[in-house]
Amino acid sequence: MASRADNIASNLNLGNFAQATELRQRIWFTIGALIVFRFLSFVPLPGVNPKALDELAAQTQGGIIDMFNMFTGGALSNMSLIALGVMPYITASIVVQMASALHPTLAALKKEGATGRQKLNQYTRYGTVFLCAIQGWFLATGLESFASSQGIAAVVNPGYGFRVGAVISLVGGTMFLLWLGEQITSRGIGNGVSLIIMAGIVAQFPTYATNLFEGGRTGSIAPGIIIGFILMVVVLILLISFVERAQRRLLIQYPKRATQRGMMQAENSYLPLKLNTAGVIPPIFASSLLLLPLTISQFAGSSVDTTSGVGSTIVTLNQYLAHGQPIYIALYSVLIVFFCFFYTAVVFDPEDNAENLKKNGGFIPGVRPGKRTADYLEYVLTRITVVGAMYLTIVCIVPEYMIAQTGIPLFLGGTSLLIVVNVTVDTISQVQSHLLAHQYGDLIKKAKLKGRMR
């Protein structure tokens, strides 16, 4: 049967927003912070010529730069102060997370509780600054070597002064975004960093949607293709919403414990295992590896010698690894499956979880504590990871297949859909939690008033 909390949550309505003052303040703060993020995406780096940026964006279309530009809401194509976005922080956090699962010293820090997590967060920030400095230096160097077809240089005054200034500006922009994300998390609604990434993706929707419908109006895109795109997006959103909430719950029992009132009944709990434990990491890693040759050739430009062995190899790879090509789709699927199993093995340790259950006196019915429990957890996790890998492959391959069949670049890829839907569902859940707490507060106040009247 549904609990009292479930019944209240199912009856939540928008009318409660008028009374939930704190929730409204949090929502307005979140909206204001995201507006600041969008304003910053149009503030260019000092010393950059904006007239050459449009041609640079067109030249790097389809590579890793184009994918990262989607995550930053166009800030990378504008070469703004936040051109790197929060991607260096995401990369550093993934590296620290993997290292904490493999390195004994970091693994010991992870087990120390709040103090260990604070130390790991500090390492993550150091890694973010380091990655920002490296990426900013290469970005500034690449800008200096670019000039448009009209002979307009992308950098007004190239040199070490511009490079150092660009690195300082990019590091400052990324760290400001991290601070802004922390403020959203503590004073707003939802996870701040995730909302910033989602805002960057959503900001591109109007432009792509306008181009799609404009193509239908002019006749360059058939109406059936537009309807097919819309149906595909709706079906994928429903699939993501269903699977991302799916869990395999393992029953955990705890022995009876003696209290002052006598013997208590055995406590039951559940160990939830998400169907998609790896999240959006596998598609990002897979697409980054496959788009690396194309990105190298784009930045190299005409300097690549196609008669040499390396140059001809890069050109051949670009031909076979273009979007929609059969080899690209096949390798994309294989890499997604590989990273699903790899990242799941990193973030979930069956032996560690089995040891924690044993220390707390918990056990899975029918399974002996210790090694047998670890083997059982690994067995169950492997089975659900197979389903999760198939789901991620379908979500990411279907848009690629549509691109290959129609030749129209789709604005909503599998990775962007996963991020947008996951962050939206998480934010809605937090809004419901605040409304639920507000309703419980009203019930407590009413109960106190009735008690005083009596």
Protein backbone atom coordinates (compact mmCIF):
# COMPACT_ATOMS: atom_id res chain seq x y z
CA MET A 1 0.00 0.00 0.00
CA ALA A 2 1.08 3.58 -0.59
CA SER A 3 2.46 5.47 2.38
CA ARG A 4 1.20 8.80 3.67
CA ALA A 5 4.11 10.56 1.98
CA ASP A 6 3.32 8.89 -1.36
CA ASN A 7 -0.32 9.97 -1.11
CA ILE A 8 0.63 13.57 -0.38
CA ALA A 9 3.23 13.58 -3.19
CA SER A 10 0.65 12.30 -5.67
CA ASN A 11 -1.72 15.14 -4.71
CA LEU A 12 0.81 17.94 -5.13
CA ASN A 13 -0.50 20.82 -7.25
CA LEU A 14 0.85 24.09 -8.57
CA GLY A 15 -1.42 26.04 -6.25
CA ASN A 16 0.93 25.26 -3.37
CA PHE A 17 3.61 27.47 -4.94
CA ALA A 18 1.74 30.57 -3.74
CA GLN A 19 2.23 29.48 -0.12
CA ALA A 20 5.73 27.96 -0.42
CA THR A 21 7.68 31.21 -0.10
CA GLU A 22 11.09 29.58 0.35
CA LEU A 23 10.60 27.41 -2.73
CA ARG A 24 9.69 30.42 -4.87
CA GLN A 25 12.78 32.24 -3.66
CA ARG A 26 14.95 29.25 -4.54
CA ILE A 27 13.44 29.01 -8.03
CA TRP A 28 13.92 32.73 -8.70
CA PHE A 29 17.52 32.52 -7.49
CA THR A 30 18.17 29.58 -9.83
CA ILE A 31 16.67 31.43 -12.79
CA GLY A 32 18.74 34.52 -12.02
CA ALA A 33 21.96 32.52 -11.77
CA LEU A 34 21.28 30.83 -15.12
CA ILE A 35 20.63 34.24 -16.70
CA VAL A 36 24.04 35.38 -15.46
CA PHE A 37 25.55 32.26 -17.05
CA ARG A 38 23.91 33.07 -20.39
CA PHE A 39 25.13 36.68 -20.28
CA LEU A 40 28.70 35.53 -19.67
CA SER A 41 28.60 33.29 -22.74
CA PHE A 42 28.52 36.43 -24.93
CA VAL A 43 31.46 38.23 -23.24
CA PRO A 44 34.45 37.58 -25.56
CA LEU A 45 38.04 37.00 -24.53
CA PRO A 46 40.22 40.11 -24.64
CA GLY A 47 42.14 40.41 -27.89
CA VAL A 48 39.87 38.13 -30.00
CA ASN A 49 38.47 39.37 -33.32
CA PRO A 50 34.78 38.33 -33.45
CA LYS A 51 34.62 38.65 -37.25
CA ALA A 52 36.77 35.55 -37.71
CA LEU A 53 34.92 33.40 -35.18
CA ASP A 54 31.99 32.49 -37.43
CA GLU A 55 34.29 30.97 -40.04
CA LEU A 56 36.21 29.14 -37.31
CA ALA A 57 32.96 27.66 -35.96
CA ALA A 58 31.99 26.50 -39.44
CA GLN A 59 35.43 24.96 -40.01
CA THR A 60 35.35 22.90 -36.78
CA GLN A 61 31.76 21.71 -37.25
CA GLY A 62 31.24 18.03 -36.46
CA GLY A 63 34.29 17.55 -34.23
CA ILE A 64 34.88 17.51 -30.50
CA ILE A 65 34.85 21.31 -30.47
CA ASP A 66 31.30 21.28 -31.83
CA MET A 67 30.20 18.81 -29.13
CA PHE A 68 31.77 20.87 -26.31
CA ASN A 69 30.24 24.01 -27.82
CA MET A 70 26.83 22.40 -27.34
CA PHE A 71 27.55 21.81 -23.64
CA THR A 72 28.63 25.45 -23.15
CA GLY A 73 25.60 26.95 -24.89
CA GLY A 74 27.62 28.43 -27.75
CA ALA A 75 30.20 30.03 -25.44
CA LEU A 76 33.05 28.16 -27.15
CA SER A 77 32.08 29.36 -30.63
CA ASN A 78 31.87 32.91 -29.24
CA MET A 79 35.26 32.46 -27.51
CA SER A 80 33.81 33.95 -24.36
CA LEU A 81 35.24 34.06 -20.85
CA ILE A 82 33.44 30.77 -20.08
CA ALA A 83 34.41 29.08 -23.35
CA LEU A 84 35.61 25.97 -21.49
CA GLY A 85 32.42 25.78 -19.42
CA VAL A 86 32.39 23.25 -16.59
CA MET A 87 33.78 20.41 -18.71
CA PRO A 88 37.28 20.61 -17.10
CA TYR A 89 35.62 20.13 -13.71
CA ILE A 90 33.62 17.15 -15.01
CA THR A 91 36.80 15.62 -16.45
CA ALA A 92 38.76 16.20 -13.24
CA SER A 93 36.00 14.73 -11.08
CA ILE A 94 35.85 11.61 -13.27
CA VAL A 95 39.64 11.21 -13.08
CA VAL A 96 39.64 11.62 -9.28
CA GLN A 97 36.73 9.21 -8.97
CA MET A 98 38.53 6.57 -11.03
CA ALA A 99 41.78 7.16 -9.16
CA SER A 100 40.02 6.79 -5.80
CA ALA A 101 38.83 3.35 -6.91
CA LEU A 102 42.29 2.24 -8.13
CA HIS A 103 44.85 4.04 -5.93
CA PRO A 104 45.12 2.74 -2.32
CA THR A 105 45.82 6.15 -0.77
CA LEU A 106 42.86 7.84 -2.45
CA ALA A 107 40.69 4.82 -1.70
CA ALA A 108 41.53 5.22 2.00
CA LEU A 109 40.57 8.91 1.81
CA LYS A 110 37.24 7.95 0.27
CA LYS A 111 36.45 5.78 3.30
CA GLU A 112 37.18 8.53 5.83
CA GLY A 113 33.74 10.09 5.44
CA ALA A 114 33.18 13.84 5.19
CA THR A 115 36.86 14.69 5.77
CA GLY A 116 37.99 12.36 2.99
CA ARG A 117 35.35 13.66 0.58
CA GLN A 118 36.44 17.23 1.30
CA LYS A 119 40.05 16.29 0.52
CA LEU A 120 38.99 14.60 -2.75
CA ASN A 121 36.95 17.68 -3.70
CA GLN A 122 40.05 19.77 -3.11
CA TYR A 123 42.06 17.52 -5.42
CA THR A 124 39.28 17.82 -8.00
CA ARG A 125 39.52 21.61 -7.92
CA TYR A 126 43.30 21.50 -8.31
CA GLY A 127 42.81 19.21 -11.31
CA THR A 128 40.21 21.61 -12.72
CA VAL A 129 42.60 24.55 -12.57
CA PHE A 130 45.36 22.45 -14.17
CA LEU A 131 43.11 21.24 -17.01
CA CYS A 132 41.77 24.74 -17.59
CA ALA A 133 45.30 26.11 -17.87
CA ILE A 134 46.37 23.39 -20.33
CA GLN A 135 43.22 23.62 -22.46
CA GLY A 136 43.28 27.42 -22.36
CA TRP A 137 46.90 27.53 -23.54
CA PHE A 138 46.21 25.21 -26.50
CA LEU A 139 43.03 27.12 -27.32
CA ALA A 140 44.88 30.44 -27.33
CA THR A 141 47.67 28.96 -29.46
CA GLY A 142 45.14 27.55 -31.94
CA LEU A 143 43.40 30.91 -32.19
CA GLU A 144 46.68 32.66 -33.01
CA SER A 145 47.30 30.33 -35.94
CA PHE A 146 43.83 30.81 -37.44
CA ALA A 147 42.97 33.40 -40.04
CA SER A 148 39.77 33.65 -42.10
CA SER A 149 39.62 33.38 -45.88
CA GLN A 150 39.51 37.20 -46.06
CA GLY A 151 42.83 37.36 -44.21
CA ILE A 152 41.32 38.51 -40.93
CA ALA A 153 43.28 37.11 -38.00
CA ALA A 154 41.35 35.66 -35.07
CA VAL A 155 43.71 37.35 -32.58
CA VAL A 156 44.43 41.06 -32.81
CA ASN A 157 47.83 41.03 -31.05
CA PRO A 158 49.20 37.47 -30.88
CA GLY A 159 51.99 36.59 -28.51
CA TYR A 160 52.68 35.45 -24.98
CA GLY A 161 50.74 38.38 -23.57
CA PHE A 162 47.56 37.21 -25.27
CA ARG A 163 48.15 33.59 -24.28
CA VAL A 164 48.71 34.38 -20.60
CA GLY A 165 45.71 36.72 -20.55
CA ALA A 166 43.50 34.12 -22.24
CA VAL A 167 44.56 31.39 -19.81
CA ILE A 168 43.86 33.61 -16.78
CA SER A 169 40.48 34.64 -18.20
CA LEU A 170 39.43 31.06 -19.04
CA VAL A 171 40.51 29.71 -15.64
CA GLY A 172 38.65 32.52 -13.92
CA GLY A 173 35.54 31.94 -16.01
CA THR A 174 35.42 28.23 -15.25
CA MET A 175 36.01 28.73 -11.53
CA PHE A 176 33.29 31.37 -11.45
CA LEU A 177 30.90 28.87 -13.04
CA LEU A 178 31.81 26.34 -10.36
CA TRP A 179 31.10 28.93 -7.66
CA LEU A 180 27.82 29.80 -9.38
CA GLY A 181 26.89 26.11 -9.49
CA GLU A 182 27.61 25.77 -5.77
CA GLN A 183 25.37 28.74 -5.05
CA ILE A 184 22.56 27.17 -7.08
CA THR A 185 22.96 23.88 -5.19
CA SER A 186 22.88 25.51 -1.76
CA ARG A 187 20.47 28.41 -2.33
CA GLY A 188 18.51 27.27 -5.37
CA ILE A 189 16.89 24.12 -6.75
CA GLY A 190 18.72 21.14 -8.20
CA ASN A 191 22.39 20.38 -8.83
CA GLY A 192 24.05 23.61 -9.91
CA VAL A 193 26.70 22.18 -12.26
CA SER A 194 24.17 19.91 -13.96
CA LEU A 195 21.73 22.79 -14.42
CA ILE A 196 24.46 24.92 -16.01
CA ILE A 197 25.22 22.16 -18.52
CA MET A 198 21.52 21.67 -19.23
CA ALA A 199 21.00 25.42 -19.68
CA GLY A 200 23.79 25.48 -22.26
CA ILE A 201 22.17 22.65 -24.22
CA VAL A 202 18.64 24.06 -23.99
CA ALA A 203 19.87 27.49 -25.13
CA GLN A 204 20.66 25.96 -28.54
CA PHE A 205 17.17 24.48 -29.02
CA PRO A 206 15.43 27.59 -30.45
CA THR A 207 18.09 28.09 -33.13
CA TYR A 208 18.07 24.46 -34.27
CA ALA A 209 14.28 24.20 -34.13
CA THR A 210 13.92 27.41 -36.15
CA ASN A 211 16.32 26.08 -38.80
CA LEU A 212 14.41 22.79 -38.95
CA PHE A 213 11.00 24.40 -39.43
CA GLU A 214 12.44 27.00 -41.79
CA GLY A 215 13.74 24.14 -43.93
CA GLY A 216 10.24 22.67 -43.95
CA ARG A 217 8.75 26.02 -44.98
CA THR A 218 11.17 26.52 -47.84
CA GLY A 219 10.81 22.89 -48.97
CA SER A 220 14.41 21.82 -48.38
CA ILE A 221 13.23 19.42 -45.67
CA ALA A 222 10.24 17.16 -46.26
CA PRO A 223 7.33 17.47 -43.78
CA GLY A 224 7.49 13.72 -43.14
CA ILE A 225 11.10 14.04 -41.96
CA ILE A 226 10.15 16.82 -39.53
CA ILE A 227 7.30 14.73 -38.13
CA GLY A 228 9.66 11.75 -37.86
CA PHE A 229 12.18 13.85 -35.92
CA ILE A 230 9.52 15.05 -33.50
CA LEU A 231 8.17 11.53 -32.92
CA MET A 232 11.68 10.17 -32.41
CA VAL A 233 12.48 12.84 -29.80
CA VAL A 234 9.21 12.20 -27.94
CA VAL A 235 9.77 8.42 -27.90
CA LEU A 236 13.38 8.81 -26.73
CA ILE A 237 12.35 11.21 -23.95
CA LEU A 238 9.73 8.74 -22.71
CA LEU A 239 12.26 5.89 -22.87
CA ILE A 240 14.90 7.88 -20.96
CA SER A 241 12.39 9.00 -18.34
CA PHE A 242 11.33 5.40 -17.74
CA VAL A 243 14.74 3.71 -17.74
CA GLU A 244 16.60 6.34 -15.70
CA ARG A 245 14.17 5.81 -12.83
CA ALA A 246 14.38 2.02 -13.08
CA GLN A 247 16.09 0.18 -10.26
CA ARG A 248 16.85 -3.39 -9.27
CA ARG A 249 16.14 -3.40 -5.55
CA LEU A 250 17.82 -6.14 -3.54
CA LEU A 251 16.18 -7.08 -0.25
CA ILE A 252 18.47 -6.57 2.75
CA GLN A 253 17.54 -8.02 6.14
CA TYR A 254 18.96 -7.07 9.52
CA PRO A 255 18.78 -9.35 12.58
CA LYS A 256 16.52 -8.66 15.55
CA ARG A 257 17.93 -6.22 18.02
CA ALA A 258 17.20 -6.06 21.73
CA THR A 259 15.97 -2.74 23.12
CA GLN A 260 14.59 -1.51 26.44
CA ARG A 261 11.09 -2.50 25.35
CA GLY A 262 12.07 -6.00 24.41
CA MET A 263 12.92 -7.78 21.16
CA MET A 264 12.29 -5.84 17.97
CA GLN A 265 11.30 -7.43 14.69
CA ALA A 266 13.90 -7.94 12.01
CA GLU A 267 14.38 -4.80 9.91
CA ASN A 268 14.11 -4.93 6.13
CA SER A 269 15.76 -2.54 3.72
CA TYR A 270 16.63 -2.41 0.03
CA LEU A 271 19.86 -1.91 -1.86
CA PRO A 272 18.90 0.01 -5.05
CA LEU A 273 20.96 -0.73 -8.18
CA LYS A 274 20.27 1.66 -11.04
CA LEU A 275 19.72 0.12 -14.44
CA ASN A 276 22.01 2.76 -15.96
CA THR A 277 24.73 3.08 -13.33
CA ALA A 278 27.24 4.70 -15.73
CA GLY A 279 24.97 7.64 -16.62
CA VAL A 280 26.04 9.80 -19.59
CA ILE A 281 29.78 9.09 -19.25
CA PRO A 282 29.97 6.25 -21.87
CA PRO A 283 28.51 8.30 -24.78
CA ILE A 284 30.75 11.28 -23.96
CA PHE A 285 33.91 9.17 -23.82
CA ALA A 286 32.99 7.16 -26.93
CA SER A 287 32.16 10.19 -29.09
CA SER A 288 35.29 12.05 -27.89
CA LEU A 289 37.57 9.20 -28.97
CA LEU A 290 35.88 8.80 -32.36
CA LEU A 291 35.90 12.53 -33.13
CA LEU A 292 39.56 13.01 -32.17
CA PRO A 293 41.03 12.41 -35.70
CA LEU A 294 38.51 14.80 -37.23
CA THR A 295 39.35 17.50 -34.69
CA ILE A 296 43.10 17.13 -35.29
CA SER A 297 42.70 17.51 -39.04
CA GLN A 298 40.36 20.50 -38.58
CA PHE A 299 42.89 22.42 -36.49
CA ALA A 300 45.77 21.38 -38.72
CA GLY A 301 43.88 22.63 -41.77
CA SER A 302 45.91 22.97 -44.94
CA SER A 303 49.15 22.17 -43.14
CA VAL A 304 48.35 18.44 -43.28
CA ASP A 305 50.39 16.73 -45.98
CA THR A 306 47.99 14.25 -47.55
CA THR A 307 50.86 12.50 -49.36
CA SER A 308 52.57 11.53 -46.10
CA GLY A 309 51.67 8.45 -44.14
CA VAL A 310 50.27 10.30 -41.13
CA GLY A 311 48.30 12.77 -43.25
CA SER A 312 46.74 10.11 -45.46
CA THR A 313 45.86 8.06 -42.37
CA ILE A 314 44.04 11.00 -40.78
CA VAL A 315 42.14 11.74 -44.00
CA THR A 316 41.12 8.08 -44.34
CA LEU A 317 39.97 7.96 -40.72
CA ASN A 318 37.87 11.08 -41.25
CA GLN A 319 36.17 9.48 -44.23
CA TYR A 320 35.26 6.27 -42.39
CA LEU A 321 34.52 7.89 -39.01
CA ALA A 322 32.17 10.57 -40.29
CA HIS A 323 28.76 10.88 -38.65
CA GLY A 324 26.32 8.29 -39.93
CA GLN A 325 28.91 6.02 -41.53
CA PRO A 326 28.47 2.29 -40.75
CA ILE A 327 31.95 1.96 -39.23
CA TYR A 328 31.35 5.01 -37.03
CA ILE A 329 28.01 3.64 -35.79
CA ALA A 330 29.51 0.20 -35.13
CA LEU A 331 32.53 1.56 -33.23
CA TYR A 332 30.29 3.99 -31.36
CA SER A 333 28.12 1.11 -30.16
CA VAL A 334 31.10 -1.02 -29.11
CA LEU A 335 32.72 1.85 -27.20
CA ILE A 336 29.47 2.71 -25.40
CA VAL A 337 29.12 -0.89 -24.23
CA PHE A 338 32.78 -1.01 -23.16
CA PHE A 339 32.64 2.23 -21.16
CA CYS A 340 29.35 1.16 -19.56
CA PHE A 341 31.01 -1.90 -18.02
CA PHE A 342 34.26 -0.07 -17.28
CA TYR A 343 32.73 2.92 -15.52
CA THR A 344 30.20 0.78 -13.63
CA ALA A 345 33.08 -1.34 -12.31
CA VAL A 346 34.80 1.86 -11.15
CA VAL A 347 31.87 3.50 -9.34
CA PHE A 348 30.40 0.34 -7.75
CA ASP A 349 32.61 -2.07 -5.81
CA PRO A 350 30.73 -5.30 -4.90
CA GLU A 351 33.35 -6.33 -2.34
CA ASP A 352 33.20 -2.97 -0.57
CA ASN A 353 29.40 -3.03 -0.43
CA ALA A 354 29.38 -6.63 0.79
CA GLU A 355 31.86 -5.72 3.53
CA ASN A 356 29.73 -2.76 4.64
CA LEU A 357 26.65 -4.98 4.82
CA LYS A 358 28.56 -7.52 6.90
CA LYS A 359 29.79 -4.84 9.33
CA ASN A 360 26.26 -3.51 9.83
CA GLY A 361 24.81 -6.99 10.31
CA GLY A 362 22.83 -6.95 7.07
CA PHE A 363 22.53 -9.83 4.64
CA ILE A 364 20.71 -10.82 1.46
CA PRO A 365 18.25 -13.66 2.14
CA GLY A 366 19.64 -16.94 0.83
CA VAL A 367 23.15 -15.56 0.32
CA ARG A 368 25.95 -15.94 2.86
CA PRO A 369 27.68 -12.70 3.98
CA GLY A 370 31.15 -11.93 2.72
CA LYS A 371 32.51 -13.27 -0.56
CA ARG A 372 29.24 -14.96 -1.57
CA THR A 373 27.41 -11.65 -1.22
CA ALA A 374 30.09 -9.87 -3.29
CA ASP A 375 29.81 -12.52 -6.03
CA TYR A 376 26.02 -12.21 -6.00
CA LEU A 377 26.16 -8.41 -6.25
CA GLU A 378 28.61 -8.65 -9.15
CA TYR A 379 26.35 -11.19 -10.88
CA VAL A 380 23.26 -8.98 -10.56
CA LEU A 381 25.17 -5.83 -11.53
CA THR A 382 26.56 -7.50 -14.67
CA ARG A 383 23.08 -8.54 -15.79
CA ILE A 384 21.51 -5.10 -15.34
CA THR A 385 24.55 -3.41 -16.93
CA VAL A 386 23.90 -5.43 -20.09
CA VAL A 387 20.39 -3.97 -20.23
CA GLY A 388 21.70 -0.49 -19.42
CA ALA A 389 24.33 -0.70 -22.17
CA MET A 390 21.69 -1.76 -24.70
CA TYR A 391 19.49 1.15 -23.64
CA LEU A 392 22.32 3.70 -23.98
CA THR A 393 23.27 2.28 -27.37
CA ILE A 394 19.71 2.61 -28.66
CA VAL A 395 19.33 6.18 -27.38
CA CYS A 396 22.62 7.28 -28.98
CA ILE A 397 22.47 5.29 -32.23
CA VAL A 398 18.92 6.17 -33.31
CA PRO A 399 19.74 9.89 -33.84
CA GLU A 400 22.93 8.93 -35.70
CA TYR A 401 20.90 6.64 -37.97
CA MET A 402 18.41 9.45 -38.66
CA ILE A 403 21.29 11.76 -39.59
CA ALA A 404 22.71 9.12 -41.96
CA GLN A 405 19.36 8.54 -43.66
CA THR A 406 18.26 12.16 -44.02
CA GLY A 407 21.57 14.04 -44.18
CA ILE A 408 20.20 16.64 -41.75
CA PRO A 409 22.25 17.35 -38.62
CA LEU A 410 20.02 16.67 -35.63
CA PHE A 411 20.11 19.21 -32.82
CA LEU A 412 19.13 16.65 -30.18
CA GLY A 413 21.66 13.85 -29.92
CA GLY A 414 21.50 10.98 -27.48
CA THR A 415 23.96 12.57 -25.04
CA SER A 416 22.15 15.91 -24.90
CA LEU A 417 18.79 14.19 -24.45
CA LEU A 418 20.15 12.10 -21.58
CA ILE A 419 21.51 15.18 -19.81
CA VAL A 420 18.39 17.31 -20.29
CA VAL A 421 15.92 14.61 -19.21
CA ASN A 422 17.98 13.46 -16.21
CA VAL A 423 18.52 16.98 -14.88
CA THR A 424 14.86 17.89 -15.45
CA VAL A 425 13.61 14.80 -13.60
CA ASP A 426 16.03 15.42 -10.72
CA THR A 427 14.98 19.08 -10.44
CA ILE A 428 11.28 18.20 -10.47
CA SER A 429 11.90 15.63 -7.73
CA GLN A 430 13.55 18.30 -5.57
CA VAL A 431 10.63 20.69 -6.16
CA GLN A 432 8.23 17.96 -5.07
CA SER A 433 10.34 17.33 -1.97
CA HIS A 434 10.13 21.02 -0.98
CA LEU A 435 6.37 21.06 -1.55
CA LEU A 436 6.03 17.86 0.44
CA ALA A 437 7.98 19.34 3.34
CA HIS A 438 5.81 22.47 3.15
CA GLN A 439 2.62 20.39 3.34
CA TYR A 440 3.96 18.43 6.29
CA GLY A 441 4.75 21.72 8.02
CA ASP A 442 1.14 22.84 7.54
CA LEU A 443 -0.12 19.55 8.97
CA ILE A 444 2.09 19.95 12.05
CA LYS A 445 0.84 23.51 12.61
CA LYS A 446 -2.79 22.38 12.31
CA ALA A 447 -2.17 19.53 14.73
CA LYS A 448 -0.70 21.96 17.28
CA LEU A 449 -3.67 24.29 16.93
CA LYS A 450 -6.15 21.43 17.51
CA GLY A 451 -4.16 20.32 20.56
CA ARG A 452 -4.35 23.81 22.07
CA MET A 453 -8.09 24.07 21.41
CA ARG A 454 -8.64 20.90 23.35
